[in-house]
Amino acid sequence: MKETIRQVIEHEALAVRNIPVEDGMIDAIELIYRQVHQKRGKLVTSGMGKAGQIALNMATTFSSTGTPAVFLHPSESQHGDLGVLQENDVLLVISNSGKTREIIELIELAENLYAGIPLIVISSNPEGVLAQSADAFIYTGNPKEVCPLGLSPTTSTTVMTVIGDALVVSMMNKIGFTNEDYAKRHHGGYLGSKSRLQANSDKDKKAGLTE
């Protein structure tokens, strides 16, 4: 049992190390910065199933670190939730296969509502219809799932999560996000307390009150 656990960890660690760092990531960061921080739109993420859970996590993490974002469920978008989209937003979708029907339909609906809405796609399929539609395409490296059946999203979702973290941290650096900024957005719990302490420490250092 322990050997199986070690193999899973090693498999997923290797997949993370092999994520291609390509221009698509830079293009995505620049698109998000332009639409959200310059044009005052927001980031709208979407995905189906496990990919949707990763997209939701990305949206909440971006929001807590200074880049307003929301998650839009692709199925619910066909029943009115598409109205969350506004001019100057940027759409980020995740589809391991690169041909998820609900995501393709969402993009068509979004384009019909706001022609030319910028599109970021995270996928393992650079030849898929979603990749071909993207303004910024982020390739996962198409890692083999560690699931013994080769079916359940496991390694692929790990890689998607890491890509999301890379985008978030890059944006935090780009906008100069500080402890004080974080504290304003995250008041409760341990992280809220920690961010306020760090923000006060930063203020003291600037004032020359600490060594």
N, C-alpha and C. Protein backbone atom coordinates (compact mmCIF):
# COMPACT_ATOMS: atom_id res chain seq x y z
N MET A 1 0.82 -1.21 0.00
CA MET A 1 0.00 0.00 0.00
C MET A 1 0.86 1.27 0.00
N LYS A 2 1.91 1.29 0.84
CA LYS A 2 2.78 2.47 0.89
C LYS A 2 3.49 2.67 -0.45
N GLU A 3 3.85 1.56 -1.09
CA GLU A 3 4.54 1.67 -2.38
C GLU A 3 3.61 2.26 -3.43
N THR A 4 2.35 1.88 -3.39
CA THR A 4 1.38 2.46 -4.32
C THR A 4 1.24 3.96 -4.10
N ILE A 5 1.20 4.36 -2.84
CA ILE A 5 1.10 5.79 -2.51
C ILE A 5 2.32 6.54 -3.02
N ARG A 6 3.51 5.95 -2.82
CA ARG A 6 4.74 6.59 -3.31
C ARG A 6 4.71 6.74 -4.83
N GLN A 7 4.23 5.72 -5.52
CA GLN A 7 4.18 5.75 -6.97
C GLN A 7 3.23 6.83 -7.47
N VAL A 8 2.10 6.97 -6.79
CA VAL A 8 1.15 8.02 -7.16
C VAL A 8 1.79 9.39 -7.00
N ILE A 9 2.43 9.61 -5.87
CA ILE A 9 3.07 10.90 -5.61
C ILE A 9 4.15 11.19 -6.63
N GLU A 10 4.98 10.20 -6.93
CA GLU A 10 6.05 10.38 -7.90
C GLU A 10 5.50 10.65 -9.29
N HIS A 11 4.43 9.94 -9.64
CA HIS A 11 3.80 10.12 -10.95
C HIS A 11 3.29 11.55 -11.12
N GLU A 12 2.61 12.04 -10.10
CA GLU A 12 2.03 13.37 -10.20
C GLU A 12 3.10 14.45 -10.10
N ALA A 13 4.13 14.22 -9.29
CA ALA A 13 5.23 15.18 -9.20
C ALA A 13 5.94 15.33 -10.54
N LEU A 14 6.13 14.21 -11.23
CA LEU A 14 6.78 14.25 -12.55
C LEU A 14 5.91 15.02 -13.55
N ALA A 15 4.61 14.80 -13.49
CA ALA A 15 3.70 15.52 -14.40
C ALA A 15 3.77 17.02 -14.17
N VAL A 16 3.86 17.43 -12.91
CA VAL A 16 3.97 18.86 -12.59
C VAL A 16 5.28 19.42 -13.12
N ARG A 17 6.37 18.68 -12.93
CA ARG A 17 7.67 19.16 -13.42
C ARG A 17 7.71 19.28 -14.93
N ASN A 18 6.85 18.50 -15.61
CA ASN A 18 6.85 18.49 -17.07
C ASN A 18 5.79 19.42 -17.69
N ILE A 19 5.16 20.24 -16.88
CA ILE A 19 4.21 21.22 -17.44
C ILE A 19 4.98 22.16 -18.37
N PRO A 20 4.57 22.27 -19.62
CA PRO A 20 5.28 23.17 -20.54
C PRO A 20 5.10 24.64 -20.13
N VAL A 21 6.18 25.36 -19.98
CA VAL A 21 6.10 26.79 -19.71
C VAL A 21 6.28 27.50 -21.05
N GLU A 22 5.15 27.87 -21.63
CA GLU A 22 5.15 28.41 -22.98
C GLU A 22 4.53 29.81 -23.00
N ASP A 23 4.55 30.42 -24.19
CA ASP A 23 4.05 31.79 -24.32
C ASP A 23 2.58 31.91 -23.96
N GLY A 24 1.83 30.81 -24.07
CA GLY A 24 0.41 30.88 -23.75
C GLY A 24 0.15 31.34 -22.33
N MET A 25 1.01 30.95 -21.40
CA MET A 25 0.85 31.40 -20.01
C MET A 25 1.05 32.91 -19.91
N ILE A 26 2.08 33.42 -20.60
CA ILE A 26 2.34 34.86 -20.58
C ILE A 26 1.19 35.61 -21.23
N ASP A 27 0.70 35.08 -22.36
CA ASP A 27 -0.44 35.71 -23.04
C ASP A 27 -1.65 35.76 -22.12
N ALA A 28 -1.89 34.69 -21.36
CA ALA A 28 -3.03 34.65 -20.45
C ALA A 28 -2.90 35.70 -19.36
N ILE A 29 -1.72 35.80 -18.78
CA ILE A 29 -1.49 36.80 -17.72
C ILE A 29 -1.72 38.21 -18.25
N GLU A 30 -1.22 38.48 -19.46
CA GLU A 30 -1.38 39.81 -20.04
C GLU A 30 -2.84 40.11 -20.36
N LEU A 31 -3.57 39.09 -20.82
CA LEU A 31 -4.99 39.28 -21.10
C LEU A 31 -5.78 39.59 -19.83
N ILE A 32 -5.51 38.83 -18.78
CA ILE A 32 -6.21 39.06 -17.51
C ILE A 32 -5.87 40.44 -16.97
N TYR A 33 -4.60 40.80 -17.03
CA TYR A 33 -4.18 42.11 -16.53
C TYR A 33 -4.87 43.23 -17.31
N ARG A 34 -4.89 43.10 -18.63
CA ARG A 34 -5.50 44.15 -19.47
C ARG A 34 -6.98 44.29 -19.21
N GLN A 35 -7.70 43.15 -19.20
CA GLN A 35 -9.15 43.21 -19.08
C GLN A 35 -9.61 43.57 -17.67
N VAL A 36 -8.91 43.03 -16.66
CA VAL A 36 -9.37 43.23 -15.27
C VAL A 36 -8.76 44.48 -14.64
N HIS A 37 -7.46 44.64 -14.78
CA HIS A 37 -6.79 45.72 -14.04
C HIS A 37 -6.68 47.02 -14.82
N GLN A 38 -6.80 46.95 -16.14
CA GLN A 38 -6.77 48.18 -16.92
C GLN A 38 -8.16 48.59 -17.40
N LYS A 39 -8.96 47.60 -17.84
CA LYS A 39 -10.29 47.93 -18.37
C LYS A 39 -11.40 47.74 -17.33
N ARG A 40 -11.05 47.27 -16.14
CA ARG A 40 -11.98 47.11 -15.02
C ARG A 40 -13.07 46.08 -15.29
N GLY A 41 -12.74 45.05 -16.06
CA GLY A 41 -13.65 43.92 -16.20
C GLY A 41 -13.36 42.92 -15.10
N LYS A 42 -13.70 41.67 -15.34
CA LYS A 42 -13.40 40.62 -14.36
C LYS A 42 -13.03 39.34 -15.09
N LEU A 43 -12.45 38.42 -14.36
CA LEU A 43 -12.13 37.11 -14.89
C LEU A 43 -13.31 36.17 -14.62
N VAL A 44 -13.77 35.48 -15.65
CA VAL A 44 -14.85 34.51 -15.51
C VAL A 44 -14.30 33.14 -15.88
N THR A 45 -14.29 32.22 -14.92
CA THR A 45 -13.76 30.88 -15.16
C THR A 45 -14.88 29.87 -15.33
N SER A 46 -14.60 28.78 -16.05
CA SER A 46 -15.63 27.78 -16.25
C SER A 46 -15.01 26.42 -16.58
N GLY A 47 -15.75 25.37 -16.29
CA GLY A 47 -15.34 24.02 -16.60
C GLY A 47 -16.42 23.07 -16.15
N MET A 48 -16.44 21.87 -16.70
CA MET A 48 -17.41 20.85 -16.32
C MET A 48 -16.77 19.80 -15.42
N GLY A 49 -17.55 19.26 -14.49
CA GLY A 49 -17.06 18.18 -13.66
C GLY A 49 -15.86 18.58 -12.82
N LYS A 50 -14.85 17.71 -12.79
CA LYS A 50 -13.65 17.98 -11.99
C LYS A 50 -12.94 19.24 -12.46
N ALA A 51 -12.92 19.45 -13.78
CA ALA A 51 -12.30 20.67 -14.31
C ALA A 51 -13.02 21.91 -13.81
N GLY A 52 -14.35 21.79 -13.63
CA GLY A 52 -15.11 22.90 -13.10
C GLY A 52 -14.73 23.22 -11.66
N GLN A 53 -14.44 22.18 -10.88
CA GLN A 53 -14.00 22.41 -9.51
C GLN A 53 -12.67 23.15 -9.47
N ILE A 54 -11.79 22.82 -10.40
CA ILE A 54 -10.52 23.54 -10.48
C ILE A 54 -10.76 24.99 -10.90
N ALA A 55 -11.67 25.19 -11.85
CA ALA A 55 -11.99 26.55 -12.30
C ALA A 55 -12.57 27.39 -11.17
N LEU A 56 -13.41 26.76 -10.33
CA LEU A 56 -13.97 27.46 -9.17
C LEU A 56 -12.87 27.86 -8.20
N ASN A 57 -11.95 26.95 -7.96
CA ASN A 57 -10.84 27.24 -7.06
C ASN A 57 -9.99 28.40 -7.60
N MET A 58 -9.76 28.41 -8.92
CA MET A 58 -9.00 29.50 -9.52
C MET A 58 -9.70 30.84 -9.28
N ALA A 59 -11.02 30.86 -9.50
CA ALA A 59 -11.76 32.10 -9.35
C ALA A 59 -11.67 32.65 -7.93
N THR A 60 -11.84 31.78 -6.94
CA THR A 60 -11.80 32.25 -5.56
C THR A 60 -10.40 32.69 -5.16
N THR A 61 -9.39 32.00 -5.67
CA THR A 61 -8.01 32.38 -5.33
C THR A 61 -7.63 33.69 -6.00
N PHE A 62 -8.01 33.87 -7.26
CA PHE A 62 -7.76 35.15 -7.93
C PHE A 62 -8.45 36.28 -7.18
N SER A 63 -9.71 36.07 -6.79
CA SER A 63 -10.46 37.13 -6.11
C SER A 63 -9.81 37.54 -4.80
N SER A 64 -9.31 36.56 -4.05
CA SER A 64 -8.71 36.86 -2.75
C SER A 64 -7.34 37.50 -2.87
N THR A 65 -6.79 37.51 -4.09
CA THR A 65 -5.45 38.08 -4.28
C THR A 65 -5.47 39.27 -5.24
N GLY A 66 -6.61 39.95 -5.30
CA GLY A 66 -6.64 41.25 -5.98
C GLY A 66 -7.12 41.26 -7.41
N THR A 67 -7.53 40.11 -7.94
CA THR A 67 -8.03 40.06 -9.32
C THR A 67 -9.47 39.54 -9.29
N PRO A 68 -10.46 40.42 -9.36
CA PRO A 68 -11.86 40.00 -9.27
C PRO A 68 -12.21 38.90 -10.27
N ALA A 69 -12.81 37.83 -9.78
CA ALA A 69 -13.13 36.67 -10.63
C ALA A 69 -14.36 35.96 -10.10
N VAL A 70 -15.09 35.33 -11.01
CA VAL A 70 -16.26 34.53 -10.63
C VAL A 70 -16.23 33.23 -11.43
N PHE A 71 -16.90 32.21 -10.90
CA PHE A 71 -17.05 30.95 -11.61
C PHE A 71 -18.43 30.91 -12.26
N LEU A 72 -18.48 30.51 -13.51
CA LEU A 72 -19.74 30.38 -14.24
C LEU A 72 -19.91 28.92 -14.66
N HIS A 73 -20.93 28.27 -14.13
CA HIS A 73 -21.18 26.88 -14.52
C HIS A 73 -21.69 26.85 -15.95
N PRO A 74 -21.07 26.06 -16.82
CA PRO A 74 -21.46 26.08 -18.24
C PRO A 74 -22.90 25.68 -18.50
N SER A 75 -23.43 24.75 -17.72
CA SER A 75 -24.83 24.36 -17.92
C SER A 75 -25.78 25.44 -17.43
N GLU A 76 -25.48 26.00 -16.26
CA GLU A 76 -26.34 27.05 -15.72
C GLU A 76 -26.30 28.30 -16.59
N SER A 77 -25.22 28.47 -17.35
CA SER A 77 -25.12 29.65 -18.22
C SER A 77 -26.24 29.67 -19.25
N GLN A 78 -26.76 28.48 -19.60
CA GLN A 78 -27.83 28.40 -20.59
C GLN A 78 -29.20 28.68 -19.97
N HIS A 79 -29.22 28.90 -18.68
CA HIS A 79 -30.49 29.15 -17.98
C HIS A 79 -30.45 30.48 -17.24
N GLY A 80 -29.72 31.43 -17.83
CA GLY A 80 -29.74 32.79 -17.30
C GLY A 80 -28.45 33.27 -16.66
N ASP A 81 -27.62 32.34 -16.18
CA ASP A 81 -26.40 32.77 -15.49
C ASP A 81 -25.39 33.41 -16.42
N LEU A 82 -25.59 33.29 -17.74
CA LEU A 82 -24.70 33.96 -18.69
C LEU A 82 -24.71 35.47 -18.47
N GLY A 83 -25.77 35.94 -17.83
CA GLY A 83 -25.89 37.37 -17.56
C GLY A 83 -24.81 37.93 -16.66
N VAL A 84 -24.01 37.06 -16.02
CA VAL A 84 -22.92 37.54 -15.19
C VAL A 84 -21.83 38.17 -16.03
N LEU A 85 -21.78 37.82 -17.32
CA LEU A 85 -20.77 38.38 -18.21
C LEU A 85 -21.05 39.85 -18.48
N GLN A 86 -19.96 40.62 -18.50
CA GLN A 86 -20.05 42.04 -18.79
C GLN A 86 -18.98 42.41 -19.80
N GLU A 87 -19.17 43.57 -20.39
CA GLU A 87 -18.16 44.09 -21.31
C GLU A 87 -16.82 44.22 -20.59
N ASN A 88 -15.76 43.87 -21.27
CA ASN A 88 -14.38 43.92 -20.76
C ASN A 88 -14.00 42.73 -19.88
N ASP A 89 -14.90 41.77 -19.69
CA ASP A 89 -14.53 40.55 -18.98
C ASP A 89 -13.61 39.69 -19.85
N VAL A 90 -12.96 38.73 -19.21
CA VAL A 90 -12.15 37.74 -19.92
C VAL A 90 -12.59 36.36 -19.44
N LEU A 91 -12.74 35.44 -20.38
CA LEU A 91 -13.26 34.10 -20.08
C LEU A 91 -12.11 33.10 -20.08
N LEU A 92 -12.01 32.33 -18.98
CA LEU A 92 -11.00 31.28 -18.87
C LEU A 92 -11.73 29.95 -18.69
N VAL A 93 -11.52 29.02 -19.63
CA VAL A 93 -12.19 27.73 -19.54
C VAL A 93 -11.17 26.61 -19.46
N ILE A 94 -11.58 25.53 -18.78
CA ILE A 94 -10.72 24.36 -18.61
C ILE A 94 -11.43 23.15 -19.18
N SER A 95 -10.74 22.44 -20.06
CA SER A 95 -11.28 21.20 -20.63
C SER A 95 -10.12 20.30 -20.98
N ASN A 96 -9.99 19.20 -20.26
CA ASN A 96 -8.87 18.30 -20.52
C ASN A 96 -8.90 17.78 -21.96
N SER A 97 -10.09 17.40 -22.42
CA SER A 97 -10.22 16.86 -23.77
C SER A 97 -10.12 17.93 -24.84
N GLY A 98 -10.43 19.16 -24.48
CA GLY A 98 -10.42 20.25 -25.45
C GLY A 98 -11.63 20.26 -26.35
N LYS A 99 -12.64 19.46 -26.00
CA LYS A 99 -13.85 19.40 -26.84
C LYS A 99 -15.11 19.16 -26.01
N THR A 100 -15.10 19.60 -24.77
CA THR A 100 -16.27 19.44 -23.90
C THR A 100 -17.46 20.20 -24.48
N ARG A 101 -18.54 19.49 -24.74
CA ARG A 101 -19.69 20.09 -25.43
C ARG A 101 -20.22 21.32 -24.71
N GLU A 102 -20.39 21.22 -23.39
CA GLU A 102 -20.96 22.34 -22.64
C GLU A 102 -20.08 23.58 -22.69
N ILE A 103 -18.77 23.37 -22.74
CA ILE A 103 -17.85 24.51 -22.81
C ILE A 103 -17.88 25.15 -24.20
N ILE A 104 -17.95 24.31 -25.22
CA ILE A 104 -18.06 24.84 -26.58
C ILE A 104 -19.32 25.69 -26.72
N GLU A 105 -20.43 25.19 -26.18
CA GLU A 105 -21.68 25.94 -26.23
C GLU A 105 -21.59 27.24 -25.44
N LEU A 106 -20.92 27.19 -24.28
CA LEU A 106 -20.75 28.40 -23.47
C LEU A 106 -20.00 29.47 -24.25
N ILE A 107 -18.94 29.08 -24.92
CA ILE A 107 -18.14 30.05 -25.68
C ILE A 107 -18.97 30.67 -26.80
N GLU A 108 -19.78 29.85 -27.46
CA GLU A 108 -20.65 30.37 -28.53
C GLU A 108 -21.66 31.37 -27.96
N LEU A 109 -22.23 31.05 -26.81
CA LEU A 109 -23.20 31.95 -26.19
C LEU A 109 -22.53 33.25 -25.73
N ALA A 110 -21.34 33.14 -25.16
CA ALA A 110 -20.61 34.32 -24.70
C ALA A 110 -20.25 35.23 -25.87
N GLU A 111 -19.84 34.62 -26.97
CA GLU A 111 -19.48 35.39 -28.16
C GLU A 111 -20.70 36.09 -28.74
N ASN A 112 -21.85 35.44 -28.63
CA ASN A 112 -23.08 36.05 -29.12
C ASN A 112 -23.49 37.24 -28.26
N LEU A 113 -23.17 37.16 -26.96
CA LEU A 113 -23.51 38.25 -26.04
C LEU A 113 -22.53 39.40 -26.15
N TYR A 114 -21.24 39.08 -26.18
CA TYR A 114 -20.18 40.09 -26.31
C TYR A 114 -19.17 39.61 -27.34
N ALA A 115 -19.37 40.04 -28.57
CA ALA A 115 -18.48 39.62 -29.66
C ALA A 115 -17.05 40.00 -29.36
N GLY A 116 -16.15 39.03 -29.52
CA GLY A 116 -14.74 39.30 -29.32
C GLY A 116 -14.27 39.19 -27.89
N ILE A 117 -15.11 38.63 -26.98
CA ILE A 117 -14.68 38.47 -25.59
C ILE A 117 -13.42 37.62 -25.56
N PRO A 118 -12.35 38.07 -24.90
CA PRO A 118 -11.09 37.32 -24.88
C PRO A 118 -11.26 35.96 -24.22
N LEU A 119 -10.61 34.96 -24.79
CA LEU A 119 -10.76 33.58 -24.33
C LEU A 119 -9.42 32.95 -24.01
N ILE A 120 -9.31 32.41 -22.79
CA ILE A 120 -8.15 31.64 -22.36
C ILE A 120 -8.59 30.20 -22.20
N VAL A 121 -7.83 29.27 -22.76
CA VAL A 121 -8.17 27.85 -22.68
C VAL A 121 -7.03 27.07 -22.05
N ILE A 122 -7.34 26.25 -21.05
CA ILE A 122 -6.37 25.32 -20.46
C ILE A 122 -6.82 23.93 -20.86
N SER A 123 -5.96 23.19 -21.57
CA SER A 123 -6.37 21.90 -22.11
C SER A 123 -5.15 21.04 -22.42
N SER A 124 -5.41 19.73 -22.56
CA SER A 124 -4.36 18.80 -22.97
C SER A 124 -4.37 18.57 -24.47
N ASN A 125 -5.30 19.23 -25.16
CA ASN A 125 -5.48 19.00 -26.60
C ASN A 125 -5.22 20.28 -27.41
N PRO A 126 -4.00 20.45 -27.91
CA PRO A 126 -3.69 21.67 -28.67
C PRO A 126 -4.34 21.71 -30.04
N GLU A 127 -4.90 20.60 -30.47
CA GLU A 127 -5.55 20.54 -31.78
C GLU A 127 -7.07 20.64 -31.68
N GLY A 128 -7.59 20.70 -30.48
CA GLY A 128 -9.04 20.71 -30.28
C GLY A 128 -9.69 22.01 -30.70
N VAL A 129 -11.01 21.98 -30.82
CA VAL A 129 -11.75 23.16 -31.24
C VAL A 129 -11.59 24.30 -30.25
N LEU A 130 -11.46 23.99 -28.95
CA LEU A 130 -11.28 25.05 -27.96
C LEU A 130 -9.94 25.74 -28.11
N ALA A 131 -8.90 24.95 -28.33
CA ALA A 131 -7.56 25.52 -28.51
C ALA A 131 -7.53 26.44 -29.73
N GLN A 132 -8.21 26.03 -30.78
CA GLN A 132 -8.23 26.83 -32.01
C GLN A 132 -8.99 28.13 -31.83
N SER A 133 -9.90 28.18 -30.87
CA SER A 133 -10.69 29.39 -30.62
C SER A 133 -10.02 30.35 -29.64
N ALA A 134 -8.96 29.90 -28.98
CA ALA A 134 -8.38 30.64 -27.86
C ALA A 134 -7.54 31.83 -28.29
N ASP A 135 -7.62 32.89 -27.50
CA ASP A 135 -6.67 34.00 -27.64
C ASP A 135 -5.38 33.67 -26.91
N ALA A 136 -5.49 32.84 -25.88
CA ALA A 136 -4.31 32.35 -25.14
C ALA A 136 -4.57 30.89 -24.81
N PHE A 137 -3.70 30.01 -25.29
CA PHE A 137 -3.86 28.58 -25.04
C PHE A 137 -2.76 28.09 -24.10
N ILE A 138 -3.15 27.42 -23.02
CA ILE A 138 -2.20 26.87 -22.06
C ILE A 138 -2.27 25.35 -22.12
N TYR A 139 -1.17 24.76 -22.52
CA TYR A 139 -1.09 23.30 -22.70
C TYR A 139 -0.65 22.64 -21.40
N THR A 140 -1.40 21.63 -21.00
CA THR A 140 -1.09 20.95 -19.73
C THR A 140 0.07 19.96 -19.86
N GLY A 141 0.42 19.60 -21.08
CA GLY A 141 1.41 18.55 -21.29
C GLY A 141 0.78 17.19 -21.50
N ASN A 142 -0.56 17.12 -21.38
CA ASN A 142 -1.31 15.88 -21.58
C ASN A 142 -0.76 14.73 -20.75
N PRO A 143 -0.68 14.89 -19.42
CA PRO A 143 -0.14 13.82 -18.59
C PRO A 143 -1.06 12.62 -18.53
N LYS A 144 -0.49 11.45 -18.39
CA LYS A 144 -1.28 10.22 -18.23
C LYS A 144 -1.88 10.20 -16.83
N GLU A 145 -3.18 9.87 -16.76
CA GLU A 145 -3.84 9.81 -15.45
C GLU A 145 -3.23 8.69 -14.61
N VAL A 146 -3.03 8.97 -13.33
CA VAL A 146 -2.49 7.95 -12.43
C VAL A 146 -3.58 6.93 -12.03
N CYS A 147 -4.83 7.27 -12.26
CA CYS A 147 -5.93 6.34 -12.03
C CYS A 147 -5.63 5.01 -12.72
N PRO A 148 -5.75 3.87 -12.04
CA PRO A 148 -5.41 2.58 -12.65
C PRO A 148 -6.24 2.26 -13.89
N LEU A 149 -7.41 2.89 -14.02
CA LEU A 149 -8.24 2.69 -15.20
C LEU A 149 -7.87 3.65 -16.33
N GLY A 150 -7.08 4.67 -15.97
CA GLY A 150 -6.73 5.69 -16.94
C GLY A 150 -7.88 6.60 -17.30
N LEU A 151 -8.89 6.64 -16.45
CA LEU A 151 -10.11 7.38 -16.76
C LEU A 151 -10.38 8.54 -15.82
N SER A 152 -10.35 8.29 -14.52
CA SER A 152 -10.73 9.32 -13.55
C SER A 152 -9.74 10.48 -13.56
N PRO A 153 -10.24 11.73 -13.63
CA PRO A 153 -9.35 12.89 -13.60
C PRO A 153 -8.54 12.91 -12.30
N THR A 154 -7.27 12.69 -12.41
CA THR A 154 -6.38 12.66 -11.24
C THR A 154 -5.15 13.51 -11.52
N THR A 155 -4.24 12.99 -12.30
CA THR A 155 -3.04 13.74 -12.64
C THR A 155 -3.38 15.01 -13.42
N SER A 156 -4.34 14.92 -14.30
CA SER A 156 -4.71 16.09 -15.11
C SER A 156 -5.21 17.23 -14.23
N THR A 157 -6.00 16.93 -13.21
CA THR A 157 -6.51 17.99 -12.34
C THR A 157 -5.42 18.55 -11.44
N THR A 158 -4.46 17.72 -11.08
CA THR A 158 -3.31 18.21 -10.32
C THR A 158 -2.55 19.25 -11.14
N VAL A 159 -2.31 18.92 -12.39
CA VAL A 159 -1.59 19.83 -13.28
C VAL A 159 -2.38 21.12 -13.50
N MET A 160 -3.69 21.01 -13.67
CA MET A 160 -4.53 22.20 -13.85
C MET A 160 -4.44 23.11 -12.63
N THR A 161 -4.45 22.50 -11.45
CA THR A 161 -4.36 23.29 -10.22
C THR A 161 -3.05 24.06 -10.14
N VAL A 162 -1.96 23.39 -10.50
CA VAL A 162 -0.65 24.04 -10.46
C VAL A 162 -0.58 25.17 -11.48
N ILE A 163 -1.14 24.95 -12.66
CA ILE A 163 -1.17 26.02 -13.67
C ILE A 163 -1.94 27.23 -13.13
N GLY A 164 -3.07 26.97 -12.47
CA GLY A 164 -3.83 28.05 -11.87
C GLY A 164 -3.02 28.81 -10.83
N ASP A 165 -2.29 28.08 -9.99
CA ASP A 165 -1.44 28.72 -8.98
C ASP A 165 -0.37 29.58 -9.64
N ALA A 166 0.20 29.08 -10.74
CA ALA A 166 1.24 29.84 -11.45
C ALA A 166 0.68 31.15 -12.00
N LEU A 167 -0.54 31.10 -12.51
CA LEU A 167 -1.17 32.31 -13.03
C LEU A 167 -1.46 33.30 -11.90
N VAL A 168 -1.98 32.78 -10.80
CA VAL A 168 -2.32 33.65 -9.65
C VAL A 168 -1.07 34.34 -9.10
N VAL A 169 -0.03 33.58 -8.85
CA VAL A 169 1.19 34.16 -8.27
C VAL A 169 1.83 35.16 -9.23
N SER A 170 1.81 34.85 -10.51
CA SER A 170 2.36 35.78 -11.50
C SER A 170 1.59 37.09 -11.50
N MET A 171 0.26 37.00 -11.37
CA MET A 171 -0.55 38.21 -11.35
C MET A 171 -0.32 39.00 -10.06
N MET A 172 -0.18 38.31 -8.95
CA MET A 172 0.11 39.00 -7.69
C MET A 172 1.40 39.80 -7.81
N ASN A 173 2.41 39.21 -8.42
CA ASN A 173 3.68 39.91 -8.62
C ASN A 173 3.51 41.09 -9.57
N LYS A 174 2.72 40.89 -10.61
CA LYS A 174 2.55 41.94 -11.62
C LYS A 174 1.85 43.17 -11.06
N ILE A 175 0.86 42.95 -10.17
CA ILE A 175 0.11 44.09 -9.63
C ILE A 175 0.68 44.57 -8.29
N GLY A 176 1.73 43.91 -7.80
CA GLY A 176 2.34 44.32 -6.54
C GLY A 176 1.43 44.12 -5.34
N PHE A 177 0.76 42.99 -5.29
CA PHE A 177 -0.20 42.70 -4.23
C PHE A 177 0.52 42.50 -2.90
N THR A 178 0.04 43.18 -1.85
CA THR A 178 0.73 43.21 -0.55
C THR A 178 -0.07 42.51 0.55
N ASN A 179 0.58 42.35 1.70
CA ASN A 179 -0.10 41.81 2.89
C ASN A 179 -1.30 42.67 3.27
N GLU A 180 -1.13 43.99 3.15
CA GLU A 180 -2.22 44.90 3.48
C GLU A 180 -3.40 44.70 2.53
N ASP A 181 -3.10 44.53 1.25
CA ASP A 181 -4.15 44.26 0.26
C ASP A 181 -4.89 42.97 0.59
N TYR A 182 -4.13 41.95 0.98
CA TYR A 182 -4.73 40.66 1.31
C TYR A 182 -5.63 40.78 2.53
N ALA A 183 -5.16 41.50 3.53
CA ALA A 183 -5.92 41.65 4.78
C ALA A 183 -7.27 42.33 4.54
N LYS A 184 -7.33 43.25 3.59
CA LYS A 184 -8.57 43.95 3.29
C LYS A 184 -9.62 43.01 2.68
N ARG A 185 -9.14 41.96 2.05
CA ARG A 185 -10.04 41.04 1.35
C ARG A 185 -10.32 39.76 2.14
N HIS A 186 -9.53 39.51 3.17
CA HIS A 186 -9.65 38.25 3.90
C HIS A 186 -9.61 38.57 5.40
N HIS A 187 -10.77 38.95 5.92
CA HIS A 187 -10.79 39.43 7.31
C HIS A 187 -10.82 38.29 8.32
N GLY A 188 -11.55 37.23 8.01
CA GLY A 188 -11.79 36.20 9.01
C GLY A 188 -10.75 35.11 9.05
N GLY A 189 -10.77 34.36 10.15
CA GLY A 189 -9.95 33.16 10.28
C GLY A 189 -8.48 33.41 10.49
N TYR A 190 -7.73 32.32 10.46
CA TYR A 190 -6.28 32.36 10.71
C TYR A 190 -5.57 33.21 9.67
N LEU A 191 -5.94 33.03 8.40
CA LEU A 191 -5.25 33.78 7.34
C LEU A 191 -5.52 35.27 7.46
N GLY A 192 -6.73 35.64 7.87
CA GLY A 192 -7.03 37.05 8.07
C GLY A 192 -6.16 37.66 9.17
N SER A 193 -6.05 36.93 10.28
CA SER A 193 -5.22 37.41 11.39
C SER A 193 -3.76 37.50 10.99
N LYS A 194 -3.29 36.47 10.29
CA LYS A 194 -1.88 36.45 9.88
C LYS A 194 -1.58 37.58 8.91
N SER A 195 -2.47 37.83 7.97
CA SER A 195 -2.23 38.89 6.98
C SER A 195 -2.21 40.26 7.65
N ARG A 196 -3.08 40.47 8.65
CA ARG A 196 -3.07 41.77 9.34
C ARG A 196 -1.80 41.96 10.14
N LEU A 197 -1.33 40.90 10.79
CA LEU A 197 -0.07 40.99 11.52
C LEU A 197 1.09 41.32 10.59
N GLN A 198 1.11 40.66 9.44
CA GLN A 198 2.18 40.91 8.49
C GLN A 198 2.08 42.31 7.90
N ALA A 199 0.85 42.76 7.67
CA ALA A 199 0.66 44.11 7.14
C ALA A 199 1.15 45.15 8.14
N ASN A 200 0.83 44.94 9.43
CA ASN A 200 1.30 45.88 10.46
C ASN A 200 2.82 45.85 10.58
N SER A 201 3.39 44.66 10.44
CA SER A 201 4.84 44.54 10.48
C SER A 201 5.48 45.28 9.32
N ASP A 202 4.87 45.17 8.15
CA ASP A 202 5.39 45.88 6.97
C ASP A 202 5.33 47.39 7.18
N LYS A 203 4.24 47.87 7.79
CA LYS A 203 4.10 49.30 8.06
C LYS A 203 5.17 49.78 9.03
N ASP A 204 5.45 48.96 10.07
CA ASP A 204 6.47 49.32 11.05
C ASP A 204 7.84 49.39 10.40
N LYS A 205 8.12 48.47 9.52
CA LYS A 205 9.42 48.48 8.84
C LYS A 205 9.57 49.73 7.98
N LYS A 206 8.50 50.11 7.28
CA LYS A 206 8.55 51.31 6.46
C LYS A 206 8.75 52.55 7.32
N ALA A 207 8.15 52.53 8.52
CA ALA A 207 8.27 53.68 9.42
C ALA A 207 9.58 53.67 10.19
N GLY A 208 10.37 52.63 10.03
CA GLY A 208 11.65 52.53 10.72
C GLY A 208 11.53 52.17 12.16
N LEU A 209 10.41 51.50 12.53
CA LEU A 209 10.20 51.17 13.93
C LEU A 209 10.79 49.82 14.30
N THR A 210 11.21 49.04 13.30
CA THR A 210 11.85 47.75 13.58
C THR A 210 13.20 47.70 12.90
N GLU A 211 14.01 46.78 13.37
CA GLU A 211 15.33 46.66 12.77
C GLU A 211 15.24 46.02 11.41
